[in-house]
Amino acid sequence: MGIGRNDGLLGPETSRPVNSGVLHCVLTSHVPPRGAVAVAAATRSSSDDGFPVITSGCPVPVLDSHLHVWASPQQAKEGYPYFPGQEATLRGDADLLLECMDEAGVDGSLIVQPINHMFDHSLVTSGLKTQNVSNKQMTNEVGRSLFAKAGELGAPVGIMTMKEIEELCSDYPETTVILDHMAFCKPPTNDEEEKAFSSFLNLSRFPKIYVKYSALFSISREAYPYEDTAQLLSRVISNYGANRIMWGSDFPFVVPECGYKGATEAVSHATSKISVSPSDLEWILGKTVSQLFQGSWVA
């Protein structure tokens, strides 16, 4: 179970908070009423609009590896206040998440601590013990100590950018790292962007680095269903292997973009455009995150 927080920095590719080299919260799951998490879905059918969708029939659960949950306005008044200046402008409460997951056929979710509550993990953890950190860098003494300790504890470190990763993974090869949103690499359009994407792919030489194919609306240059991310995914699979890749929606930010169900259909649409085997699709849709966080799932 991961521990920590987001540091609230703003990245160049997004107007919302990102974490630049800090431990973040990676906690809990939801098991919908329709059945146990061991009975889930990863095969394809078609939705009303023609996009491939997830249907039942596979023993691997469909798990969303990246989303956020924050208090409703009423919950904020009753004991889960927003951090000053970080009041929610978009609905992101757990009830909405469960509705979205049920509609989309998603069986579990990995919650990343939102900036709206800053260092207060009480809403997300619902009583589970967590540890807060306040340093924004990972290569100074405190950051390196945290990174090393994460490796000792088996706690994955979630990071959104590639900065400092090579140095840290070289010095602490036992620490597991998860690169959120494919490190915000968009489909390259020039030599500089291709070089950056190649650097991202080259990080695959560190066997403890995993990748989230998440927040497709943030990494695509196209409108929904973000088909240009398919070739990105193909290259990532070729370098990292599907067993080190996990899909994530980035709820609730995805809701006004294409809807939560649309996020699941977009990843199925993208994988239908490239050569992704059924077994690789199982890894991406849930098997990777399920195995990476074994023992951390809470019904």
C-alpha atoms as a PDB file:
ATOM      1  CA  MET A   1       0.000   0.000   0.000  1.00  0.00           C
ATOM      2  CA  GLY A   2       1.515   3.315  -1.056  1.00  0.00           C
ATOM      3  CA  ILE A   3       1.725   6.263   1.262  1.00  0.00           C
ATOM      4  CA  GLY A   4       2.207  10.007   0.860  1.00  0.00           C
ATOM      5  CA  ARG A   5       0.632  12.875  -0.999  1.00  0.00           C
ATOM      6  CA  ASN A   6       0.540  15.061  -4.106  1.00  0.00           C
ATOM      7  CA  ASP A   7       2.602  18.225  -3.935  1.00  0.00           C
ATOM      8  CA  GLY A   8       0.362  20.411  -6.063  1.00  0.00           C
ATOM      9  CA  LEU A   9       2.776  21.571  -8.734  1.00  0.00           C
ATOM     10  CA  LEU A  10       1.296  22.505 -12.096  1.00  0.00           C
ATOM     11  CA  GLY A  11       2.647  20.663 -15.105  1.00  0.00           C
ATOM     12  CA  PRO A  12       3.087  22.216 -18.564  1.00  0.00           C
ATOM     13  CA  GLU A  13       0.611  19.846 -20.219  1.00  0.00           C
ATOM     14  CA  THR A  14      -2.257  20.339 -17.774  1.00  0.00           C
ATOM     15  CA  SER A  15      -3.946  23.054 -15.766  1.00  0.00           C
ATOM     16  CA  ARG A  16      -4.498  20.748 -12.823  1.00  0.00           C
ATOM     17  CA  PRO A  17      -2.117  19.617 -10.071  1.00  0.00           C
ATOM     18  CA  VAL A  18       0.543  17.030 -10.741  1.00  0.00           C
ATOM     19  CA  ASN A  19       3.097  15.458  -8.450  1.00  0.00           C
ATOM     20  CA  SER A  20       6.728  15.890  -9.367  1.00  0.00           C
ATOM     21  CA  GLY A  21       8.629  13.063  -7.770  1.00  0.00           C
ATOM     22  CA  VAL A  22       6.762  12.460  -4.534  1.00  0.00           C
ATOM     23  CA  LEU A  23       5.127   9.464  -2.944  1.00  0.00           C
ATOM     24  CA  HIS A  24       1.406   9.547  -3.458  1.00  0.00           C
ATOM     25  CA  CYS A  25      -1.533   7.729  -2.000  1.00  0.00           C
ATOM     26  CA  VAL A  26      -2.401   4.470  -3.720  1.00  0.00           C
ATOM     27  CA  LEU A  27      -5.202   2.983  -1.699  1.00  0.00           C
ATOM     28  CA  THR A  28      -8.374   0.880  -1.761  1.00  0.00           C
ATOM     29  CA  SER A  29     -10.789  -0.505  -4.290  1.00  0.00           C
ATOM     30  CA  HIS A  30     -14.481  -0.806  -5.005  1.00  0.00           C
ATOM     31  CA  VAL A  31     -16.205  -4.104  -5.650  1.00  0.00           C
ATOM     32  CA  PRO A  32     -19.587  -3.475  -7.316  1.00  0.00           C
ATOM     33  CA  PRO A  33     -22.673  -5.359  -6.151  1.00  0.00           C
ATOM     34  CA  ARG A  34     -22.720  -7.463  -9.316  1.00  0.00           C
ATOM     35  CA  GLY A  35     -20.080  -9.912  -8.017  1.00  0.00           C
ATOM     36  CA  ALA A  36     -16.744 -10.621  -6.464  1.00  0.00           C
ATOM     37  CA  VAL A  37     -13.655  -8.928  -7.814  1.00  0.00           C
ATOM     38  CA  ALA A  38     -12.385 -12.272  -9.063  1.00  0.00           C
ATOM     39  CA  VAL A  39     -15.252 -12.492 -11.535  1.00  0.00           C
ATOM     40  CA  ALA A  40     -14.937  -9.637 -13.979  1.00  0.00           C
ATOM     41  CA  ALA A  41     -14.371  -8.651 -17.558  1.00  0.00           C
ATOM     42  CA  ALA A  42     -11.884  -7.946 -20.301  1.00  0.00           C
ATOM     43  CA  THR A  43     -13.388  -9.145 -23.578  1.00  0.00           C
ATOM     44  CA  ARG A  44     -14.784  -6.903 -26.294  1.00  0.00           C
ATOM     45  CA  SER A  45     -18.211  -6.144 -27.666  1.00  0.00           C
ATOM     46  CA  SER A  46     -19.576  -2.956 -29.229  1.00  0.00           C
ATOM     47  CA  SER A  47     -21.410  -0.068 -27.628  1.00  0.00           C
ATOM     48  CA  ASP A  48     -24.314   1.757 -29.239  1.00  0.00           C
ATOM     49  CA  ASP A  49     -21.900   4.200 -30.873  1.00  0.00           C
ATOM     50  CA  GLY A  50     -19.749   1.434 -32.307  1.00  0.00           C
ATOM     51  CA  PHE A  51     -16.786   1.619 -29.928  1.00  0.00           C
ATOM     52  CA  PRO A  52     -15.430  -1.595 -28.393  1.00  0.00           C
ATOM     53  CA  VAL A  53     -16.505  -1.993 -24.791  1.00  0.00           C
ATOM     54  CA  ILE A  54     -15.624  -4.273 -21.918  1.00  0.00           C
ATOM     55  CA  THR A  55     -17.951  -7.217 -21.303  1.00  0.00           C
ATOM     56  CA  SER A  56     -18.021 -10.121 -18.873  1.00  0.00           C
ATOM     57  CA  GLY A  57     -16.432 -13.457 -19.475  1.00  0.00           C
ATOM     58  CA  CYS A  58     -12.838 -13.175 -18.279  1.00  0.00           C
ATOM     59  CA  PRO A  59     -11.580 -14.126 -14.785  1.00  0.00           C
ATOM     60  CA  VAL A  60      -9.412 -11.000 -14.609  1.00  0.00           C
ATOM     61  CA  PRO A  61     -11.007  -7.952 -12.940  1.00  0.00           C
ATOM     62  CA  VAL A  62     -11.078  -4.616 -14.750  1.00  0.00           C
ATOM     63  CA  LEU A  63      -9.285  -2.129 -12.488  1.00  0.00           C
ATOM     64  CA  ASP A  64      -8.874   1.619 -12.886  1.00  0.00           C
ATOM     65  CA  SER A  65      -5.306   2.425 -11.839  1.00  0.00           C
ATOM     66  CA  HIS A  66      -5.621   6.200 -11.531  1.00  0.00           C
ATOM     67  CA  LEU A  67      -8.445   8.309 -10.177  1.00  0.00           C
ATOM     68  CA  HIS A  68      -9.224  10.797  -7.430  1.00  0.00           C
ATOM     69  CA  VAL A  69     -12.041  11.117  -4.902  1.00  0.00           C
ATOM     70  CA  TRP A  70     -12.812  14.185  -2.843  1.00  0.00           C
ATOM     71  CA  ALA A  71     -15.561  15.331  -0.501  1.00  0.00           C
ATOM     72  CA  SER A  72     -18.947  16.540  -1.617  1.00  0.00           C
ATOM     73  CA  PRO A  73     -19.783  20.073  -0.420  1.00  0.00           C
ATOM     74  CA  GLN A  74     -21.846  18.537   2.382  1.00  0.00           C
ATOM     75  CA  GLN A  75     -19.031  16.199   3.428  1.00  0.00           C
ATOM     76  CA  ALA A  76     -16.639  19.146   3.391  1.00  0.00           C
ATOM     77  CA  LYS A  77     -18.877  20.896   5.909  1.00  0.00           C
ATOM     78  CA  GLU A  78     -19.236  17.808   8.085  1.00  0.00           C
ATOM     79  CA  GLY A  79     -15.612  16.870   8.670  1.00  0.00           C
ATOM     80  CA  TYR A  80     -13.664  16.544   5.432  1.00  0.00           C
ATOM     81  CA  PRO A  81     -12.802  20.168   4.613  1.00  0.00           C
ATOM     82  CA  TYR A  82     -11.057  21.225   1.432  1.00  0.00           C
ATOM     83  CA  PHE A  83      -7.586  22.702   1.736  1.00  0.00           C
ATOM     84  CA  PRO A  84      -7.841  26.520   1.537  1.00  0.00           C
ATOM     85  CA  GLY A  85      -7.715  27.613  -2.084  1.00  0.00           C
ATOM     86  CA  GLN A  86      -8.341  24.068  -3.358  1.00  0.00           C
ATOM     87  CA  GLU A  87     -12.124  23.960  -3.114  1.00  0.00           C
ATOM     88  CA  ALA A  88     -13.678  21.512  -5.573  1.00  0.00           C
ATOM     89  CA  THR A  89     -15.204  22.964  -8.738  1.00  0.00           C
ATOM     90  CA  LEU A  90     -16.081  19.551 -10.150  1.00  0.00           C
ATOM     91  CA  ARG A  91     -18.062  16.776  -8.532  1.00  0.00           C
ATOM     92  CA  GLY A  92     -15.738  13.984  -7.443  1.00  0.00           C
ATOM     93  CA  ASP A  93     -17.398  12.199  -4.534  1.00  0.00           C
ATOM     94  CA  ALA A  94     -17.392   8.439  -3.980  1.00  0.00           C
ATOM     95  CA  ASP A  95     -21.079   8.032  -4.818  1.00  0.00           C
ATOM     96  CA  LEU A  96     -20.514   9.445  -8.299  1.00  0.00           C
ATOM     97  CA  LEU A  97     -17.461   7.227  -8.744  1.00  0.00           C
ATOM     98  CA  LEU A  98     -19.432   4.090  -7.861  1.00  0.00           C
ATOM     99  CA  GLU A  99     -22.199   5.053 -10.281  1.00  0.00           C
ATOM    100  CA  CYS A 100     -19.657   5.593 -13.048  1.00  0.00           C
ATOM    101  CA  MET A 101     -17.856   2.331 -12.332  1.00  0.00           C
ATOM    102  CA  ASP A 102     -21.090   0.346 -12.353  1.00  0.00           C
ATOM    103  CA  GLU A 103     -22.147   1.893 -15.660  1.00  0.00           C
ATOM    104  CA  ALA A 104     -18.750   1.233 -17.264  1.00  0.00           C
ATOM    105  CA  GLY A 105     -18.284  -2.294 -15.926  1.00  0.00           C
ATOM    106  CA  VAL A 106     -15.157  -1.455 -13.906  1.00  0.00           C
ATOM    107  CA  ASP A 107     -14.568  -3.649 -10.858  1.00  0.00           C
ATOM    108  CA  GLY A 108     -11.950  -1.846  -8.806  1.00  0.00           C
ATOM    109  CA  SER A 109     -10.068   1.414  -8.532  1.00  0.00           C
ATOM    110  CA  LEU A 110      -6.780   2.715  -7.197  1.00  0.00           C
ATOM    111  CA  ILE A 111      -7.331   6.073  -5.497  1.00  0.00           C
ATOM    112  CA  VAL A 112      -4.641   8.761  -5.742  1.00  0.00           C
ATOM    113  CA  GLN A 113      -4.772  11.380  -2.989  1.00  0.00           C
ATOM    114  CA  PRO A 114      -6.278  14.583  -4.459  1.00  0.00           C
ATOM    115  CA  ILE A 115      -4.825  18.031  -3.997  1.00  0.00           C
ATOM    116  CA  ASN A 116      -8.232  19.253  -2.803  1.00  0.00           C
ATOM    117  CA  HIS A 117      -7.474  17.758   0.634  1.00  0.00           C
ATOM    118  CA  MET A 118      -3.707  18.285   0.416  1.00  0.00           C
ATOM    119  CA  PHE A 119      -2.102  16.412   3.363  1.00  0.00           C
ATOM    120  CA  ASP A 120      -5.370  15.277   4.957  1.00  0.00           C
ATOM    121  CA  HIS A 121      -5.925  11.652   3.893  1.00  0.00           C
ATOM    122  CA  SER A 122      -8.899  11.022   6.186  1.00  0.00           C
ATOM    123  CA  LEU A 123     -11.541  10.947   3.447  1.00  0.00           C
ATOM    124  CA  VAL A 124      -9.572   8.723   1.084  1.00  0.00           C
ATOM    125  CA  THR A 125      -8.284   6.302   3.666  1.00  0.00           C
ATOM    126  CA  SER A 126     -11.462   6.152   5.777  1.00  0.00           C
ATOM    127  CA  GLY A 127      -9.427   5.356   8.851  1.00  0.00           C
ATOM    128  CA  LEU A 128      -6.503   3.518   7.231  1.00  0.00           C
ATOM    129  CA  LYS A 129      -3.151   4.684   8.517  1.00  0.00           C
ATOM    130  CA  THR A 130      -1.117   6.811   6.131  1.00  0.00           C
ATOM    131  CA  GLN A 131       1.995   8.923   6.303  1.00  0.00           C
ATOM    132  CA  ASN A 132       2.282  12.488   5.032  1.00  0.00           C
ATOM    133  CA  VAL A 133       5.402  13.995   3.573  1.00  0.00           C
ATOM    134  CA  SER A 134       6.092  17.622   2.823  1.00  0.00           C
ATOM    135  CA  ASN A 135       9.169  17.659   0.617  1.00  0.00           C
ATOM    136  CA  LYS A 136       8.761  18.352  -3.103  1.00  0.00           C
ATOM    137  CA  GLN A 137      12.056  16.952  -4.377  1.00  0.00           C
ATOM    138  CA  MET A 138      13.195  13.364  -4.569  1.00  0.00           C
ATOM    139  CA  THR A 139      16.920  13.836  -5.127  1.00  0.00           C
ATOM    140  CA  ASN A 140      17.782  15.716  -1.951  1.00  0.00           C
ATOM    141  CA  GLU A 141      18.509  13.934   1.330  1.00  0.00           C
ATOM    142  CA  VAL A 142      14.888  13.645   2.450  1.00  0.00           C
ATOM    143  CA  GLY A 143      13.606  12.614  -0.961  1.00  0.00           C
ATOM    144  CA  ARG A 144      16.271   9.986  -1.449  1.00  0.00           C
ATOM    145  CA  SER A 145      15.602   8.564   2.010  1.00  0.00           C
ATOM    146  CA  LEU A 146      11.895   8.320   1.227  1.00  0.00           C
ATOM    147  CA  PHE A 147      12.582   6.711  -2.135  1.00  0.00           C
ATOM    148  CA  ALA A 148      14.890   4.151  -0.550  1.00  0.00           C
ATOM    149  CA  LYS A 149      12.431   3.420   2.270  1.00  0.00           C
ATOM    150  CA  ALA A 150       9.646   2.918  -0.261  1.00  0.00           C
ATOM    151  CA  GLY A 151      11.764   0.203  -1.843  1.00  0.00           C
ATOM    152  CA  GLU A 152      12.328  -1.471   1.526  1.00  0.00           C
ATOM    153  CA  LEU A 153       8.596  -1.388   2.273  1.00  0.00           C
ATOM    154  CA  GLY A 154       7.549  -2.473  -1.190  1.00  0.00           C
ATOM    155  CA  ALA A 155       5.539   0.745  -1.592  1.00  0.00           C
ATOM    156  CA  PRO A 156       5.354   1.949  -5.216  1.00  0.00           C
ATOM    157  CA  VAL A 157       6.249   5.567  -5.885  1.00  0.00           C
ATOM    158  CA  GLY A 158       3.927   7.380  -8.286  1.00  0.00           C
ATOM    159  CA  ILE A 159       5.518  10.081 -10.435  1.00  0.00           C
ATOM    160  CA  MET A 160       4.190  12.148 -13.322  1.00  0.00           C
ATOM    161  CA  THR A 161       7.408  13.363 -14.903  1.00  0.00           C
ATOM    162  CA  MET A 162      10.677  11.719 -15.959  1.00  0.00           C
ATOM    163  CA  LYS A 163      12.891  14.225 -14.159  1.00  0.00           C
ATOM    164  CA  GLU A 164      15.231  12.579 -11.613  1.00  0.00           C
ATOM    165  CA  ILE A 165      13.895   9.085 -12.285  1.00  0.00           C
ATOM    166  CA  GLU A 166      16.986   7.703 -13.971  1.00  0.00           C
ATOM    167  CA  GLU A 167      19.252   8.781 -11.131  1.00  0.00           C
ATOM    168  CA  LEU A 168      16.927   7.431  -8.438  1.00  0.00           C
ATOM    169  CA  CYS A 169      16.263   4.107 -10.152  1.00  0.00           C
ATOM    170  CA  SER A 170      19.988   3.614 -10.721  1.00  0.00           C
ATOM    171  CA  ASP A 171      20.759   4.257  -7.059  1.00  0.00           C
ATOM    172  CA  TYR A 172      17.737   2.420  -5.636  1.00  0.00           C
ATOM    173  CA  PRO A 173      16.867  -0.356  -8.097  1.00  0.00           C
ATOM    174  CA  GLU A 174      14.565  -2.141  -5.621  1.00  0.00           C
ATOM    175  CA  THR A 175      12.066   0.732  -5.514  1.00  0.00           C
ATOM    176  CA  THR A 176       9.033   0.344  -7.737  1.00  0.00           C
ATOM    177  CA  VAL A 177       8.072   3.425  -9.754  1.00  0.00           C
ATOM    178  CA  ILE A 178       4.817   4.131 -11.576  1.00  0.00           C
ATOM    179  CA  LEU A 179       4.879   6.795 -14.284  1.00  0.00           C
ATOM    180  CA  ASP A 180       1.438   8.384 -14.334  1.00  0.00           C
ATOM    181  CA  HIS A 181      -0.212   9.343 -17.621  1.00  0.00           C
ATOM    182  CA  MET A 182       2.770   8.025 -19.626  1.00  0.00           C
ATOM    183  CA  ALA A 183       4.779  10.924 -18.152  1.00  0.00           C
ATOM    184  CA  PHE A 184       2.532  13.247 -20.214  1.00  0.00           C
ATOM    185  CA  CYS A 185       4.222  12.183 -23.449  1.00  0.00           C
ATOM    186  CA  LYS A 186       2.000  13.113 -26.378  1.00  0.00           C
ATOM    187  CA  PRO A 187       2.306  11.624 -29.886  1.00  0.00           C
ATOM    188  CA  PRO A 188       5.575  13.141 -31.168  1.00  0.00           C
ATOM    189  CA  THR A 189       5.303  15.739 -33.911  1.00  0.00           C
ATOM    190  CA  ASN A 190       8.969  16.791 -34.190  1.00  0.00           C
ATOM    191  CA  ASP A 191      12.486  15.557 -33.414  1.00  0.00           C
ATOM    192  CA  GLU A 192      12.544  17.063 -29.934  1.00  0.00           C
ATOM    193  CA  GLU A 193       9.311  15.350 -28.934  1.00  0.00           C
ATOM    194  CA  GLU A 194      10.469  12.065 -30.459  1.00  0.00           C
ATOM    195  CA  LYS A 195      13.671  12.317 -28.428  1.00  0.00           C
ATOM    196  CA  ALA A 196      11.653  12.877 -25.251  1.00  0.00           C
ATOM    197  CA  PHE A 197       9.395   9.921 -26.008  1.00  0.00           C
ATOM    198  CA  SER A 198      12.411   7.742 -26.767  1.00  0.00           C
ATOM    199  CA  SER A 199      13.861   8.702 -23.373  1.00  0.00           C
ATOM    200  CA  PHE A 200      10.598   7.601 -21.807  1.00  0.00           C
ATOM    201  CA  LEU A 201      10.765   4.276 -23.635  1.00  0.00           C
ATOM    202  CA  ASN A 202      14.409   3.803 -22.634  1.00  0.00           C
ATOM    203  CA  LEU A 203      13.413   3.896 -18.978  1.00  0.00           C
ATOM    204  CA  SER A 204      11.982   0.432 -19.588  1.00  0.00           C
ATOM    205  CA  ARG A 205      15.491  -0.928 -18.940  1.00  0.00           C
ATOM    206  CA  PHE A 206      14.669  -0.481 -15.255  1.00  0.00           C
ATOM    207  CA  PRO A 207      12.490  -3.519 -14.535  1.00  0.00           C
ATOM    208  CA  LYS A 208      10.764  -1.858 -11.571  1.00  0.00           C
ATOM    209  CA  ILE A 209       9.275   0.989 -13.643  1.00  0.00           C
ATOM    210  CA  TYR A 210       5.601   0.646 -14.559  1.00  0.00           C
ATOM    211  CA  VAL A 211       3.476   2.876 -16.796  1.00  0.00           C
ATOM    212  CA  LYS A 212      -0.074   4.147 -16.511  1.00  0.00           C
ATOM    213  CA  TYR A 213      -1.883   4.451 -19.831  1.00  0.00           C
ATOM    214  CA  SER A 214      -4.184   6.970 -18.230  1.00  0.00           C
ATOM    215  CA  ALA A 215      -5.845  10.356 -18.682  1.00  0.00           C
ATOM    216  CA  LEU A 216      -5.951   9.818 -22.443  1.00  0.00           C
ATOM    217  CA  PHE A 217      -7.616  13.211 -22.913  1.00  0.00           C
ATOM    218  CA  SER A 218      -4.418  14.785 -21.532  1.00  0.00           C
ATOM    219  CA  ILE A 219      -1.936  12.936 -23.753  1.00  0.00           C
ATOM    220  CA  SER A 220      -3.902  12.858 -27.008  1.00  0.00           C
ATOM    221  CA  ARG A 221      -3.746  15.516 -29.687  1.00  0.00           C
ATOM    222  CA  GLU A 222      -7.133  14.420 -31.015  1.00  0.00           C
ATOM    223  CA  ALA A 223     -10.717  14.516 -29.856  1.00  0.00           C
ATOM    224  CA  TYR A 224     -12.397  11.499 -28.300  1.00  0.00           C
ATOM    225  CA  PRO A 225     -11.826   8.550 -28.711  1.00  0.00           C
ATOM    226  CA  TYR A 226      -8.149   9.679 -28.669  1.00  0.00           C
ATOM    227  CA  GLU A 227      -7.118   7.245 -31.369  1.00  0.00           C
ATOM    228  CA  ASP A 228      -3.647   8.757 -31.773  1.00  0.00           C
ATOM    229  CA  THR A 229      -2.699   7.276 -28.392  1.00  0.00           C
ATOM    230  CA  ALA A 230      -2.937   3.787 -29.917  1.00  0.00           C
ATOM    231  CA  GLN A 231       0.488   4.047 -31.554  1.00  0.00           C
ATOM    232  CA  LEU A 232       1.945   5.418 -28.320  1.00  0.00           C
ATOM    233  CA  LEU A 233       0.563   2.400 -26.508  1.00  0.00           C
ATOM    234  CA  SER A 234       1.915   0.025 -29.150  1.00  0.00           C
ATOM    235  CA  ARG A 235       5.441   1.343 -28.656  1.00  0.00           C
ATOM    236  CA  VAL A 236       5.114   1.237 -24.881  1.00  0.00           C
ATOM    237  CA  ILE A 237       3.960  -2.383 -25.004  1.00  0.00           C
ATOM    238  CA  SER A 238       6.923  -3.245 -27.243  1.00  0.00           C
ATOM    239  CA  ASN A 239       9.361  -1.729 -24.752  1.00  0.00           C
ATOM    240  CA  TYR A 240       7.829  -2.291 -21.325  1.00  0.00           C
ATOM    241  CA  GLY A 241       5.595  -5.287 -21.940  1.00  0.00           C
ATOM    242  CA  ALA A 242       1.889  -5.314 -21.172  1.00  0.00           C
ATOM    243  CA  ASN A 243       2.558  -6.696 -17.685  1.00  0.00           C
ATOM    244  CA  ARG A 244       4.057  -3.324 -16.723  1.00  0.00           C
ATOM    245  CA  ILE A 245       1.221  -1.198 -18.132  1.00  0.00           C
ATOM    246  CA  MET A 246      -2.072  -0.305 -16.443  1.00  0.00           C
ATOM    247  CA  TRP A 247      -5.074   1.629 -17.655  1.00  0.00           C
ATOM    248  CA  GLY A 248      -6.419   4.544 -15.604  1.00  0.00           C
ATOM    249  CA  SER A 249      -9.333   6.935 -16.153  1.00  0.00           C
ATOM    250  CA  ASP A 250      -8.257  10.002 -14.140  1.00  0.00           C
ATOM    251  CA  PHE A 251     -11.731  10.360 -12.651  1.00  0.00           C
ATOM    252  CA  PRO A 252     -13.314  12.830 -12.053  1.00  0.00           C
ATOM    253  CA  PHE A 253     -11.373  14.992 -14.506  1.00  0.00           C
ATOM    254  CA  VAL A 254     -12.377  12.602 -17.285  1.00  0.00           C
ATOM    255  CA  VAL A 255     -16.113  13.034 -16.659  1.00  0.00           C
ATOM    256  CA  PRO A 256     -16.534  16.404 -18.435  1.00  0.00           C
ATOM    257  CA  GLU A 257     -14.125  15.289 -21.181  1.00  0.00           C
ATOM    258  CA  CYS A 258     -15.723  12.049 -22.411  1.00  0.00           C
ATOM    259  CA  GLY A 259     -17.483  10.557 -19.399  1.00  0.00           C
ATOM    260  CA  TYR A 260     -16.238   7.679 -17.271  1.00  0.00           C
ATOM    261  CA  LYS A 261     -17.749   5.029 -19.513  1.00  0.00           C
ATOM    262  CA  GLY A 262     -16.194   6.842 -22.462  1.00  0.00           C
ATOM    263  CA  ALA A 263     -12.793   6.411 -20.820  1.00  0.00           C
ATOM    264  CA  THR A 264     -13.204   2.640 -20.751  1.00  0.00           C
ATOM    265  CA  GLU A 265     -14.437   2.608 -24.349  1.00  0.00           C
ATOM    266  CA  ALA A 266     -11.520   4.787 -25.470  1.00  0.00           C
ATOM    267  CA  VAL A 267      -8.910   2.334 -24.210  1.00  0.00           C
ATOM    268  CA  SER A 268     -10.754  -0.552 -25.846  1.00  0.00           C
ATOM    269  CA  HIS A 269     -10.994   1.448 -29.076  1.00  0.00           C
ATOM    270  CA  ALA A 270      -7.269   2.201 -29.034  1.00  0.00           C
ATOM    271  CA  THR A 271      -6.258  -1.389 -28.359  1.00  0.00           C
ATOM    272  CA  SER A 272      -8.518  -2.571 -31.183  1.00  0.00           C
ATOM    273  CA  LYS A 273      -6.451  -0.462 -33.618  1.00  0.00           C
ATOM    274  CA  ILE A 274      -3.158  -2.154 -32.785  1.00  0.00           C
ATOM    275  CA  SER A 275      -2.002  -5.720 -32.277  1.00  0.00           C
ATOM    276  CA  VAL A 276      -2.903  -6.332 -28.634  1.00  0.00           C
ATOM    277  CA  SER A 277      -3.434  -9.950 -27.681  1.00  0.00           C
ATOM    278  CA  PRO A 278      -6.266 -10.916 -25.305  1.00  0.00           C
ATOM    279  CA  SER A 279      -3.718 -11.764 -22.624  1.00  0.00           C
ATOM    280  CA  ASP A 280      -1.974  -8.388 -23.008  1.00  0.00           C
ATOM    281  CA  LEU A 281      -5.351  -6.643 -22.767  1.00  0.00           C
ATOM    282  CA  GLU A 282      -6.009  -8.454 -19.502  1.00  0.00           C
ATOM    283  CA  TRP A 283      -2.743  -7.114 -18.078  1.00  0.00           C
ATOM    284  CA  ILE A 284      -3.507  -3.547 -19.151  1.00  0.00           C
ATOM    285  CA  LEU A 285      -7.116  -3.527 -17.964  1.00  0.00           C
ATOM    286  CA  GLY A 286      -6.478  -4.866 -14.498  1.00  0.00           C
ATOM    287  CA  LYS A 287      -4.036  -7.700 -14.033  1.00  0.00           C
ATOM    288  CA  THR A 288      -0.953  -5.448 -13.756  1.00  0.00           C
ATOM    289  CA  VAL A 289      -2.336  -3.181 -11.051  1.00  0.00           C
ATOM    290  CA  SER A 290      -3.956  -6.114  -9.248  1.00  0.00           C
ATOM    291  CA  GLN A 291      -0.642  -7.953  -8.946  1.00  0.00           C
ATOM    292  CA  LEU A 292       1.396  -4.834  -8.207  1.00  0.00           C
ATOM    293  CA  PHE A 293      -0.823  -3.987  -5.246  1.00  0.00           C
ATOM    294  CA  GLN A 294      -1.535  -7.475  -3.965  1.00  0.00           C
ATOM    295  CA  GLY A 295      -2.979  -7.340  -0.471  1.00  0.00           C
ATOM    296  CA  SER A 296      -3.959  -3.658  -0.745  1.00  0.00           C
ATOM    297  CA  TRP A 297      -7.508  -4.096  -2.067  1.00  0.00           C
ATOM    298  CA  VAL A 298     -10.386  -3.320   0.262  1.00  0.00           C
ATOM    299  CA  ALA A 299     -13.974  -4.259  -0.558  1.00  0.00           C
END
